[in-house]
Amino acid sequence: MAFGLTRTLKNEIARLAPHTATTVADASIAFVPAGPWFPRTAPKLKDPDAVRRVTATMALPKVARPEEVAHAVVFLASDRLAGHVSGQTIAVAGGMEGRWLWRPEEVETEIA
């Protein structure tokens, strides 16, 4: 959905005003629980075996921090930095491939 919707949206927005449309897709992100809202991935991120299984499929075998995704959003929101980027889905996923790149025991599970 992100790919097709983003590409269609960039064409429609271009007709109305010279703006860009991009999507940021993320993988597992470490959130610090705050208030009554608690991400559904948080319990899984407390399980070292689950973290190893997920991050073993990433070129950068670590769980993303919210600020790492925010950096991509800031880049894309800047006309100066990303003024000619439109209709793209940017994956902030540590190079996730869906196949093991690391043996699970090689992956550090601590979330800094």
PDB file of N, CA and C in Angstrom:
ATOM      1  N   MET A   1       0.817  -1.183   0.000  1.00  0.00           N
ATOM      2  CA  MET A   1       0.000   0.000   0.000  1.00  0.00           C
ATOM      3  C   MET A   1       0.870   1.260   0.000  1.00  0.00           C
ATOM      4  N   ALA A   2       1.940   1.247   0.805  1.00  0.00           N
ATOM      5  CA  ALA A   2       2.786   2.444   0.896  1.00  0.00           C
ATOM      6  C   ALA A   2       3.367   2.812  -0.462  1.00  0.00           C
ATOM      7  N   PHE A   3       3.788   1.812  -1.217  1.00  0.00           N
ATOM      8  CA  PHE A   3       4.424   2.099  -2.501  1.00  0.00           C
ATOM      9  C   PHE A   3       3.418   2.661  -3.508  1.00  0.00           C
ATOM     10  N   GLY A   4       2.306   1.978  -3.722  1.00  0.00           N
ATOM     11  CA  GLY A   4       1.312   2.433  -4.695  1.00  0.00           C
ATOM     12  C   GLY A   4       0.646   3.729  -4.291  1.00  0.00           C
ATOM     13  N   LEU A   5       0.263   3.834  -3.021  1.00  0.00           N
ATOM     14  CA  LEU A   5      -0.397   5.045  -2.537  1.00  0.00           C
ATOM     15  C   LEU A   5       0.545   6.240  -2.639  1.00  0.00           C
ATOM     16  N   THR A   6       1.801   6.064  -2.252  1.00  0.00           N
ATOM     17  CA  THR A   6       2.765   7.167  -2.303  1.00  0.00           C
ATOM     18  C   THR A   6       2.990   7.635  -3.731  1.00  0.00           C
ATOM     19  N   ARG A   7       3.119   6.706  -4.646  1.00  0.00           N
ATOM     20  CA  ARG A   7       3.357   7.087  -6.047  1.00  0.00           C
ATOM     21  C   ARG A   7       2.142   7.786  -6.657  1.00  0.00           C
ATOM     22  N   THR A   8       0.959   7.344  -6.321  1.00  0.00           N
ATOM     23  CA  THR A   8      -0.252   8.000  -6.818  1.00  0.00           C
ATOM     24  C   THR A   8      -0.411   9.378  -6.192  1.00  0.00           C
ATOM     25  N   LEU A   9      -0.171   9.464  -4.888  1.00  0.00           N
ATOM     26  CA  LEU A   9      -0.303  10.728  -4.180  1.00  0.00           C
ATOM     27  C   LEU A   9       0.652  11.787  -4.715  1.00  0.00           C
ATOM     28  N   LYS A  10       1.881  11.404  -5.029  1.00  0.00           N
ATOM     29  CA  LYS A  10       2.845  12.390  -5.550  1.00  0.00           C
ATOM     30  C   LYS A  10       2.372  12.967  -6.875  1.00  0.00           C
ATOM     31  N   ASN A  11       1.696  12.189  -7.702  1.00  0.00           N
ATOM     32  CA  ASN A  11       1.170  12.704  -8.971  1.00  0.00           C
ATOM     33  C   ASN A  11      -0.002  13.655  -8.744  1.00  0.00           C
ATOM     34  N   GLU A  12      -0.861  13.320  -7.802  1.00  0.00           N
ATOM     35  CA  GLU A  12      -2.022  14.167  -7.530  1.00  0.00           C
ATOM     36  C   GLU A  12      -1.614  15.470  -6.855  1.00  0.00           C
ATOM     37  N   ILE A  13      -0.673  15.402  -5.931  1.00  0.00           N
ATOM     38  CA  ILE A  13      -0.215  16.618  -5.245  1.00  0.00           C
ATOM     39  C   ILE A  13       0.474  17.548  -6.234  1.00  0.00           C
ATOM     40  N   ALA A  14       1.249  16.995  -7.160  1.00  0.00           N
ATOM     41  CA  ALA A  14       1.964  17.821  -8.142  1.00  0.00           C
ATOM     42  C   ALA A  14       0.997  18.653  -8.979  1.00  0.00           C
ATOM     43  N   ARG A  15      -0.210  18.162  -9.180  1.00  0.00           N
ATOM     44  CA  ARG A  15      -1.201  18.907  -9.947  1.00  0.00           C
ATOM     45  C   ARG A  15      -1.713  20.122  -9.164  1.00  0.00           C
ATOM     46  N   LEU A  16      -1.727  20.014  -7.846  1.00  0.00           N
ATOM     47  CA  LEU A  16      -2.279  21.071  -7.000  1.00  0.00           C
ATOM     48  C   LEU A  16      -1.236  22.105  -6.574  1.00  0.00           C
ATOM     49  N   ALA A  17      -0.053  21.639  -6.234  1.00  0.00           N
ATOM     50  CA  ALA A  17       1.006  22.528  -5.743  1.00  0.00           C
ATOM     51  C   ALA A  17       2.332  21.791  -5.863  1.00  0.00           C
ATOM     52  N   PRO A  18       3.417  22.510  -5.949  1.00  0.00           N
ATOM     53  CA  PRO A  18       4.720  21.850  -6.105  1.00  0.00           C
ATOM     54  C   PRO A  18       5.249  21.272  -4.785  1.00  0.00           C
ATOM     55  N   HIS A  19       4.627  20.196  -4.339  1.00  0.00           N
ATOM     56  CA  HIS A  19       5.050  19.531  -3.114  1.00  0.00           C
ATOM     57  C   HIS A  19       5.439  18.095  -3.420  1.00  0.00           C
ATOM     58  N   THR A  20       6.128  17.494  -2.484  1.00  0.00           N
ATOM     59  CA  THR A  20       6.532  16.103  -2.660  1.00  0.00           C
ATOM     60  C   THR A  20       5.704  15.200  -1.763  1.00  0.00           C
ATOM     61  N   ALA A  21       5.680  13.933  -2.088  1.00  0.00           N
ATOM     62  CA  ALA A  21       5.005  12.928  -1.269  1.00  0.00           C
ATOM     63  C   ALA A  21       5.956  11.748  -1.106  1.00  0.00           C
ATOM     64  N   THR A  22       6.314  11.462   0.115  1.00  0.00           N
ATOM     65  CA  THR A  22       7.179  10.321   0.403  1.00  0.00           C
ATOM     66  C   THR A  22       6.637   9.582   1.614  1.00  0.00           C
ATOM     67  N   THR A  23       7.105   8.368   1.795  1.00  0.00           N
ATOM     68  CA  THR A  23       6.695   7.541   2.917  1.00  0.00           C
ATOM     69  C   THR A  23       7.945   7.037   3.618  1.00  0.00           C
ATOM     70  N   VAL A  24       7.902   6.982   4.936  1.00  0.00           N
ATOM     71  CA  VAL A  24       8.981   6.382   5.712  1.00  0.00           C
ATOM     72  C   VAL A  24       8.434   5.086   6.292  1.00  0.00           C
ATOM     73  N   ALA A  25       9.050   3.979   5.917  1.00  0.00           N
ATOM     74  CA  ALA A  25       8.665   2.671   6.435  1.00  0.00           C
ATOM     75  C   ALA A  25       9.719   2.255   7.448  1.00  0.00           C
ATOM     76  N   ASP A  26       9.278   1.807   8.605  1.00  0.00           N
ATOM     77  CA  ASP A  26      10.231   1.423   9.636  1.00  0.00           C
ATOM     78  C   ASP A  26      10.074  -0.047   9.998  1.00  0.00           C
ATOM     79  N   ALA A  27      11.098  -0.548  10.651  1.00  0.00           N
ATOM     80  CA  ALA A  27      11.074  -1.932  11.147  1.00  0.00           C
ATOM     81  C   ALA A  27      10.787  -1.870  12.648  1.00  0.00           C
ATOM     82  N   SER A  28      11.379  -2.737  13.409  1.00  0.00           N
ATOM     83  CA  SER A  28      11.188  -2.726  14.857  1.00  0.00           C
ATOM     84  C   SER A  28      11.875  -1.513  15.458  1.00  0.00           C
ATOM     85  N   ILE A  29      11.131  -0.772  16.250  1.00  0.00           N
ATOM     86  CA  ILE A  29      11.666   0.428  16.882  1.00  0.00           C
ATOM     87  C   ILE A  29      11.517   0.289  18.387  1.00  0.00           C
ATOM     88  N   ALA A  30      12.547   0.691  19.097  1.00  0.00           N
ATOM     89  CA  ALA A  30      12.502   0.661  20.558  1.00  0.00           C
ATOM     90  C   ALA A  30      11.793   1.907  21.057  1.00  0.00           C
ATOM     91  N   PHE A  31      10.648   1.741  21.700  1.00  0.00           N
ATOM     92  CA  PHE A  31       9.915   2.851  22.284  1.00  0.00           C
ATOM     93  C   PHE A  31      10.003   2.763  23.795  1.00  0.00           C
ATOM     94  N   VAL A  32      10.062   3.897  24.417  1.00  0.00           N
ATOM     95  CA  VAL A  32       9.971   3.945  25.871  1.00  0.00           C
ATOM     96  C   VAL A  32       8.505   4.168  26.194  1.00  0.00           C
ATOM     97  N   PRO A  33       7.897   3.249  26.962  1.00  0.00           N
ATOM     98  CA  PRO A  33       6.471   3.404  27.255  1.00  0.00           C
ATOM     99  C   PRO A  33       6.182   4.723  27.967  1.00  0.00           C
ATOM    100  N   ALA A  34       5.142   5.402  27.544  1.00  0.00           N
ATOM    101  CA  ALA A  34       4.762   6.668  28.168  1.00  0.00           C
ATOM    102  C   ALA A  34       3.252   6.730  28.291  1.00  0.00           C
ATOM    103  N   GLY A  35       2.777   6.997  29.465  1.00  0.00           N
ATOM    104  CA  GLY A  35       1.342   7.152  29.691  1.00  0.00           C
ATOM    105  C   GLY A  35       0.574   5.879  29.401  1.00  0.00           C
ATOM    106  N   PRO A  36      -0.708   6.019  29.048  1.00  0.00           N
ATOM    107  CA  PRO A  36      -1.549   4.839  28.829  1.00  0.00           C
ATOM    108  C   PRO A  36      -1.276   4.145  27.493  1.00  0.00           C
ATOM    109  N   TRP A  37      -0.565   4.836  26.581  1.00  0.00           N
ATOM    110  CA  TRP A  37      -0.295   4.245  25.269  1.00  0.00           C
ATOM    111  C   TRP A  37       0.965   3.407  25.345  1.00  0.00           C
ATOM    112  N   PHE A  38       0.894   2.185  24.872  1.00  0.00           N
ATOM    113  CA  PHE A  38       2.041   1.283  24.921  1.00  0.00           C
ATOM    114  C   PHE A  38       2.102   0.530  23.602  1.00  0.00           C
ATOM    115  N   PRO A  39       3.187   0.659  22.835  1.00  0.00           N
ATOM    116  CA  PRO A  39       3.269   0.007  21.526  1.00  0.00           C
ATOM    117  C   PRO A  39       3.138  -1.513  21.633  1.00  0.00           C
ATOM    118  N   ARG A  40       2.532  -2.092  20.644  1.00  0.00           N
ATOM    119  CA  ARG A  40       2.329  -3.547  20.687  1.00  0.00           C
ATOM    120  C   ARG A  40       3.624  -4.318  20.516  1.00  0.00           C
ATOM    121  N   THR A  41       4.682  -3.681  19.999  1.00  0.00           N
ATOM    122  CA  THR A  41       5.958  -4.390  19.845  1.00  0.00           C
ATOM    123  C   THR A  41       6.797  -4.364  21.118  1.00  0.00           C
ATOM    124  N   ALA A  42       6.451  -3.510  22.073  1.00  0.00           N
ATOM    125  CA  ALA A  42       7.276  -3.369  23.287  1.00  0.00           C
ATOM    126  C   ALA A  42       7.488  -4.685  24.026  1.00  0.00           C
ATOM    127  N   PRO A  43       6.449  -5.519  24.242  1.00  0.00           N
ATOM    128  CA  PRO A  43       6.704  -6.789  24.936  1.00  0.00           C
ATOM    129  C   PRO A  43       7.673  -7.691  24.168  1.00  0.00           C
ATOM    130  N   LYS A  44       7.592  -7.681  22.843  1.00  0.00           N
ATOM    131  CA  LYS A  44       8.497  -8.503  22.037  1.00  0.00           C
ATOM    132  C   LYS A  44       9.930  -8.010  22.155  1.00  0.00           C
ATOM    133  N   LEU A  45      10.117  -6.692  22.285  1.00  0.00           N
ATOM    134  CA  LEU A  45      11.455  -6.137  22.382  1.00  0.00           C
ATOM    135  C   LEU A  45      12.106  -6.427  23.727  1.00  0.00           C
ATOM    136  N   LYS A  46      11.328  -6.885  24.690  1.00  0.00           N
ATOM    137  CA  LYS A  46      11.892  -7.291  25.984  1.00  0.00           C
ATOM    138  C   LYS A  46      12.364  -8.743  25.956  1.00  0.00           C
ATOM    139  N   ASP A  47      12.005  -9.475  24.919  1.00  0.00           N
ATOM    140  CA  ASP A  47      12.385 -10.880  24.779  1.00  0.00           C
ATOM    141  C   ASP A  47      13.662 -10.969  23.943  1.00  0.00           C
ATOM    142  N   PRO A  48      14.821 -11.283  24.569  1.00  0.00           N
ATOM    143  CA  PRO A  48      16.086 -11.330  23.824  1.00  0.00           C
ATOM    144  C   PRO A  48      16.059 -12.282  22.632  1.00  0.00           C
ATOM    145  N   ASP A  49      15.355 -13.406  22.745  1.00  0.00           N
ATOM    146  CA  ASP A  49      15.288 -14.345  21.620  1.00  0.00           C
ATOM    147  C   ASP A  49      14.530 -13.746  20.437  1.00  0.00           C
ATOM    148  N   ALA A  50      13.447 -13.019  20.714  1.00  0.00           N
ATOM    149  CA  ALA A  50      12.685 -12.373  19.640  1.00  0.00           C
ATOM    150  C   ALA A  50      13.530 -11.295  18.972  1.00  0.00           C
ATOM    151  N   VAL A  51      14.255 -10.517  19.767  1.00  0.00           N
ATOM    152  CA  VAL A  51      15.126  -9.473  19.210  1.00  0.00           C
ATOM    153  C   VAL A  51      16.203 -10.110  18.337  1.00  0.00           C
ATOM    154  N   ARG A  52      16.787 -11.211  18.788  1.00  0.00           N
ATOM    155  CA  ARG A  52      17.818 -11.895  17.990  1.00  0.00           C
ATOM    156  C   ARG A  52      17.258 -12.377  16.656  1.00  0.00           C
ATOM    157  N   ARG A  53      16.055 -12.959  16.682  1.00  0.00           N
ATOM    158  CA  ARG A  53      15.455 -13.468  15.445  1.00  0.00           C
ATOM    159  C   ARG A  53      15.204 -12.341  14.442  1.00  0.00           C
ATOM    160  N   VAL A  54      14.704 -11.215  14.920  1.00  0.00           N
ATOM    161  CA  VAL A  54      14.403 -10.099  14.028  1.00  0.00           C
ATOM    162  C   VAL A  54      15.678  -9.446  13.515  1.00  0.00           C
ATOM    163  N   THR A  55      16.590  -9.127  14.408  1.00  0.00           N
ATOM    164  CA  THR A  55      17.782  -8.385  14.006  1.00  0.00           C
ATOM    165  C   THR A  55      18.791  -9.245  13.252  1.00  0.00           C
ATOM    166  N   ALA A  56      18.671 -10.549  13.326  1.00  0.00           N
ATOM    167  CA  ALA A  56      19.567 -11.430  12.564  1.00  0.00           C
ATOM    168  C   ALA A  56      19.325 -11.307  11.063  1.00  0.00           C
ATOM    169  N   THR A  57      18.204 -10.695  10.675  1.00  0.00           N
ATOM    170  CA  THR A  57      17.898 -10.512   9.247  1.00  0.00           C
ATOM    171  C   THR A  57      18.286  -9.125   8.748  1.00  0.00           C
ATOM    172  N   MET A  58      18.983  -8.346   9.580  1.00  0.00           N
ATOM    173  CA  MET A  58      19.337  -6.970   9.229  1.00  0.00           C
ATOM    174  C   MET A  58      20.838  -6.840   8.992  1.00  0.00           C
ATOM    175  N   ALA A  59      21.206  -6.053   7.990  1.00  0.00           N
ATOM    176  CA  ALA A  59      22.622  -5.768   7.760  1.00  0.00           C
ATOM    177  C   ALA A  59      23.207  -5.012   8.955  1.00  0.00           C
ATOM    178  N   LEU A  60      22.405  -4.142   9.558  1.00  0.00           N
ATOM    179  CA  LEU A  60      22.783  -3.435  10.785  1.00  0.00           C
ATOM    180  C   LEU A  60      21.989  -4.075  11.917  1.00  0.00           C
ATOM    181  N   PRO A  61      22.535  -5.088  12.567  1.00  0.00           N
ATOM    182  CA  PRO A  61      21.748  -5.901  13.497  1.00  0.00           C
ATOM    183  C   PRO A  61      21.469  -5.210  14.827  1.00  0.00           C
ATOM    184  N   LYS A  62      20.551  -4.255  14.803  1.00  0.00           N
ATOM    185  CA  LYS A  62      20.129  -3.586  16.033  1.00  0.00           C
ATOM    186  C   LYS A  62      18.715  -3.068  15.849  1.00  0.00           C
ATOM    187  N   VAL A  63      18.058  -2.838  16.938  1.00  0.00           N
ATOM    188  CA  VAL A  63      16.707  -2.285  16.911  1.00  0.00           C
ATOM    189  C   VAL A  63      16.827  -0.776  16.776  1.00  0.00           C
ATOM    190  N   ALA A  64      16.044  -0.200  15.890  1.00  0.00           N
ATOM    191  CA  ALA A  64      16.091   1.234  15.640  1.00  0.00           C
ATOM    192  C   ALA A  64      15.551   2.023  16.819  1.00  0.00           C
ATOM    193  N   ARG A  65      16.099   3.202  16.994  1.00  0.00           N
ATOM    194  CA  ARG A  65      15.610   4.149  17.999  1.00  0.00           C
ATOM    195  C   ARG A  65      14.648   5.119  17.293  1.00  0.00           C
ATOM    196  N   PRO A  66      13.684   5.671  17.997  1.00  0.00           N
ATOM    197  CA  PRO A  66      12.751   6.613  17.368  1.00  0.00           C
ATOM    198  C   PRO A  66      13.457   7.781  16.678  1.00  0.00           C
ATOM    199  N   GLU A  67      14.543   8.260  17.251  1.00  0.00           N
ATOM    200  CA  GLU A  67      15.240   9.394  16.638  1.00  0.00           C
ATOM    201  C   GLU A  67      15.874   9.025  15.299  1.00  0.00           C
ATOM    202  N   GLU A  68      16.196   7.753  15.081  1.00  0.00           N
ATOM    203  CA  GLU A  68      16.754   7.347  13.785  1.00  0.00           C
ATOM    204  C   GLU A  68      15.697   7.459  12.683  1.00  0.00           C
ATOM    205  N   VAL A  69      14.471   7.131  13.005  1.00  0.00           N
ATOM    206  CA  VAL A  69      13.373   7.307  12.055  1.00  0.00           C
ATOM    207  C   VAL A  69      13.090   8.798  11.886  1.00  0.00           C
ATOM    208  N   ALA A  70      13.143   9.551  12.977  1.00  0.00           N
ATOM    209  CA  ALA A  70      12.900  10.995  12.922  1.00  0.00           C
ATOM    210  C   ALA A  70      13.913  11.692  12.020  1.00  0.00           C
ATOM    211  N   HIS A  71      15.152  11.235  12.011  1.00  0.00           N
ATOM    212  CA  HIS A  71      16.171  11.847  11.146  1.00  0.00           C
ATOM    213  C   HIS A  71      15.778  11.711   9.672  1.00  0.00           C
ATOM    214  N   ALA A  72      15.245  10.553   9.309  1.00  0.00           N
ATOM    215  CA  ALA A  72      14.802  10.361   7.926  1.00  0.00           C
ATOM    216  C   ALA A  72      13.637  11.289   7.601  1.00  0.00           C
ATOM    217  N   VAL A  73      12.725  11.456   8.547  1.00  0.00           N
ATOM    218  CA  VAL A  73      11.571  12.337   8.340  1.00  0.00           C
ATOM    219  C   VAL A  73      12.034  13.780   8.176  1.00  0.00           C
ATOM    220  N   VAL A  74      12.988  14.214   9.010  1.00  0.00           N
ATOM    221  CA  VAL A  74      13.501  15.586   8.904  1.00  0.00           C
ATOM    222  C   VAL A  74      14.166  15.796   7.549  1.00  0.00           C
ATOM    223  N   PHE A  75      14.953  14.818   7.110  1.00  0.00           N
ATOM    224  CA  PHE A  75      15.589  14.899   5.793  1.00  0.00           C
ATOM    225  C   PHE A  75      14.540  15.085   4.700  1.00  0.00           C
ATOM    226  N   LEU A  76      13.518  14.237   4.709  1.00  0.00           N
ATOM    227  CA  LEU A  76      12.490  14.288   3.671  1.00  0.00           C
ATOM    228  C   LEU A  76      11.634  15.551   3.754  1.00  0.00           C
ATOM    229  N   ALA A  77      11.501  16.121   4.939  1.00  0.00           N
ATOM    230  CA  ALA A  77      10.700  17.333   5.104  1.00  0.00           C
ATOM    231  C   ALA A  77      11.445  18.589   4.656  1.00  0.00           C
ATOM    232  N   SER A  78      12.744  18.460   4.434  1.00  0.00           N
ATOM    233  CA  SER A  78      13.551  19.612   4.058  1.00  0.00           C
ATOM    234  C   SER A  78      13.568  19.800   2.543  1.00  0.00           C
ATOM    235  N   ASP A  79      13.087  20.953   2.083  1.00  0.00           N
ATOM    236  CA  ASP A  79      13.155  21.255   0.650  1.00  0.00           C
ATOM    237  C   ASP A  79      14.602  21.381   0.191  1.00  0.00           C
ATOM    238  N   ARG A  80      15.467  21.832   1.070  1.00  0.00           N
ATOM    239  CA  ARG A  80      16.878  21.996   0.713  1.00  0.00           C
ATOM    240  C   ARG A  80      17.591  20.651   0.571  1.00  0.00           C
ATOM    241  N   LEU A  81      17.311  19.718   1.468  1.00  0.00           N
ATOM    242  CA  LEU A  81      18.000  18.423   1.444  1.00  0.00           C
ATOM    243  C   LEU A  81      17.341  17.405   0.520  1.00  0.00           C
ATOM    244  N   ALA A  82      16.020  17.396   0.472  1.00  0.00           N
ATOM    245  CA  ALA A  82      15.308  16.373  -0.305  1.00  0.00           C
ATOM    246  C   ALA A  82      14.298  17.010  -1.247  1.00  0.00           C
ATOM    247  N   GLY A  83      14.637  18.157  -1.782  1.00  0.00           N
ATOM    248  CA  GLY A  83      13.708  18.902  -2.619  1.00  0.00           C
ATOM    249  C   GLY A  83      13.316  18.221  -3.917  1.00  0.00           C
ATOM    250  N   HIS A  84      14.078  17.232  -4.339  1.00  0.00           N
ATOM    251  CA  HIS A  84      13.754  16.550  -5.599  1.00  0.00           C
ATOM    252  C   HIS A  84      13.444  15.068  -5.363  1.00  0.00           C
ATOM    253  N   VAL A  85      13.066  14.731  -4.130  1.00  0.00           N
ATOM    254  CA  VAL A  85      12.670  13.363  -3.789  1.00  0.00           C
ATOM    255  C   VAL A  85      11.159  13.349  -3.670  1.00  0.00           C
ATOM    256  N   SER A  86      10.510  12.519  -4.466  1.00  0.00           N
ATOM    257  CA  SER A  86       9.056  12.417  -4.404  1.00  0.00           C
ATOM    258  C   SER A  86       8.619  11.044  -4.899  1.00  0.00           C
ATOM    259  N   GLY A  87       7.561  10.536  -4.310  1.00  0.00           N
ATOM    260  CA  GLY A  87       7.019   9.254  -4.730  1.00  0.00           C
ATOM    261  C   GLY A  87       7.835   8.064  -4.274  1.00  0.00           C
ATOM    262  N   GLN A  88       8.672   8.259  -3.256  1.00  0.00           N
ATOM    263  CA  GLN A  88       9.546   7.191  -2.788  1.00  0.00           C
ATOM    264  C   GLN A  88       9.120   6.704  -1.409  1.00  0.00           C
ATOM    265  N   THR A  89       9.385   5.441  -1.137  1.00  0.00           N
ATOM    266  CA  THR A  89       9.211   4.887   0.194  1.00  0.00           C
ATOM    267  C   THR A  89      10.604   4.610   0.733  1.00  0.00           C
ATOM    268  N   ILE A  90      10.968   5.311   1.784  1.00  0.00           N
ATOM    269  CA  ILE A  90      12.282   5.170   2.397  1.00  0.00           C
ATOM    270  C   ILE A  90      12.161   4.179   3.549  1.00  0.00           C
ATOM    271  N   ALA A  91      12.916   3.108   3.487  1.00  0.00           N
ATOM    272  CA  ALA A  91      12.890   2.090   4.542  1.00  0.00           C
ATOM    273  C   ALA A  91      13.987   2.373   5.553  1.00  0.00           C
ATOM    274  N   VAL A  92      13.588   2.629   6.778  1.00  0.00           N
ATOM    275  CA  VAL A  92      14.526   2.789   7.889  1.00  0.00           C
ATOM    276  C   VAL A  92      14.415   1.483   8.665  1.00  0.00           C
ATOM    277  N   ALA A  93      15.101   0.477   8.157  1.00  0.00           N
ATOM    278  CA  ALA A  93      14.913  -0.883   8.666  1.00  0.00           C
ATOM    279  C   ALA A  93      16.228  -1.628   8.858  1.00  0.00           C
ATOM    280  N   GLY A  94      17.328  -0.902   8.922  1.00  0.00           N
ATOM    281  CA  GLY A  94      18.611  -1.560   9.180  1.00  0.00           C
ATOM    282  C   GLY A  94      19.044  -2.502   8.075  1.00  0.00           C
ATOM    283  N   GLY A  95      18.485  -2.341   6.885  1.00  0.00           N
ATOM    284  CA  GLY A  95      18.834  -3.237   5.784  1.00  0.00           C
ATOM    285  C   GLY A  95      18.162  -4.602   5.883  1.00  0.00           C
ATOM    286  N   MET A  96      16.981  -4.649   6.518  1.00  0.00           N
ATOM    287  CA  MET A  96      16.276  -5.919   6.717  1.00  0.00           C
ATOM    288  C   MET A  96      15.998  -6.602   5.382  1.00  0.00           C
ATOM    289  N   GLU A  97      16.321  -7.887   5.322  1.00  0.00           N
ATOM    290  CA  GLU A  97      16.129  -8.654   4.095  1.00  0.00           C
ATOM    291  C   GLU A  97      15.142  -9.795   4.231  1.00  0.00           C
ATOM    292  N   GLY A  98      14.856 -10.230   5.442  1.00  0.00           N
ATOM    293  CA  GLY A  98      13.967 -11.364   5.622  1.00  0.00           C
ATOM    294  C   GLY A  98      14.681 -12.699   5.588  1.00  0.00           C
ATOM    295  N   ARG A  99      15.984 -12.668   5.480  1.00  0.00           N
ATOM    296  CA  ARG A  99      16.777 -13.902   5.576  1.00  0.00           C
ATOM    297  C   ARG A  99      17.901 -13.644   6.567  1.00  0.00           C
ATOM    298  N   TRP A 100      18.373 -14.690   7.181  1.00  0.00           N
ATOM    299  CA  TRP A 100      19.404 -14.523   8.198  1.00  0.00           C
ATOM    300  C   TRP A 100      20.713 -14.063   7.581  1.00  0.00           C
ATOM    301  N   LEU A 101      21.228 -12.966   8.099  1.00  0.00           N
ATOM    302  CA  LEU A 101      22.546 -12.468   7.728  1.00  0.00           C
ATOM    303  C   LEU A 101      23.543 -12.735   8.853  1.00  0.00           C
ATOM    304  N   TRP A 102      23.017 -12.938  10.053  1.00  0.00           N
ATOM    305  CA  TRP A 102      23.805 -13.201  11.244  1.00  0.00           C
ATOM    306  C   TRP A 102      23.214 -14.422  11.939  1.00  0.00           C
ATOM    307  N   ARG A 103      24.049 -15.182  12.612  1.00  0.00           N
ATOM    308  CA  ARG A 103      23.515 -16.225  13.487  1.00  0.00           C
ATOM    309  C   ARG A 103      22.954 -15.505  14.709  1.00  0.00           C
ATOM    310  N   PRO A 104      21.810 -15.943  15.240  1.00  0.00           N
ATOM    311  CA  PRO A 104      21.200 -15.230  16.366  1.00  0.00           C
ATOM    312  C   PRO A 104      22.149 -15.000  17.543  1.00  0.00           C
ATOM    313  N   GLU A 105      23.057 -15.923  17.795  1.00  0.00           N
ATOM    314  CA  GLU A 105      23.974 -15.729  18.923  1.00  0.00           C
ATOM    315  C   GLU A 105      25.008 -14.628  18.664  1.00  0.00           C
ATOM    316  N   GLU A 106      25.134 -14.163  17.414  1.00  0.00           N
ATOM    317  CA  GLU A 106      26.061 -13.075  17.085  1.00  0.00           C
ATOM    318  C   GLU A 106      25.453 -11.689  17.313  1.00  0.00           C
ATOM    319  N   VAL A 107      24.169 -11.640  17.567  1.00  0.00           N
ATOM    320  CA  VAL A 107      23.452 -10.371  17.655  1.00  0.00           C
ATOM    321  C   VAL A 107      23.371  -9.897  19.105  1.00  0.00           C
ATOM    322  N   GLU A 108      23.704  -8.633  19.315  1.00  0.00           N
ATOM    323  CA  GLU A 108      23.557  -8.010  20.640  1.00  0.00           C
ATOM    324  C   GLU A 108      22.101  -7.612  20.824  1.00  0.00           C
ATOM    325  N   THR A 109      21.500  -8.019  21.929  1.00  0.00           N
ATOM    326  CA  THR A 109      20.076  -7.763  22.116  1.00  0.00           C
ATOM    327  C   THR A 109      19.774  -6.571  23.011  1.00  0.00           C
ATOM    328  N   GLU A 110      20.781  -5.965  23.596  1.00  0.00           N
ATOM    329  CA  GLU A 110      20.547  -4.807  24.459  1.00  0.00           C
ATOM    330  C   GLU A 110      20.122  -3.612  23.625  1.00  0.00           C
ATOM    331  N   ILE A 111      19.071  -2.947  24.073  1.00  0.00           N
ATOM    332  CA  ILE A 111      18.579  -1.766  23.386  1.00  0.00           C
ATOM    333  C   ILE A 111      19.082  -0.553  24.152  1.00  0.00           C
ATOM    334  N   ALA A 112      19.965   0.199  23.522  1.00  0.00           N
ATOM    335  CA  ALA A 112      20.574   1.341  24.216  1.00  0.00           C
ATOM    336  C   ALA A 112      19.634   2.505  24.331  1.00  0.00           C
TER     337      ALA A 112
END
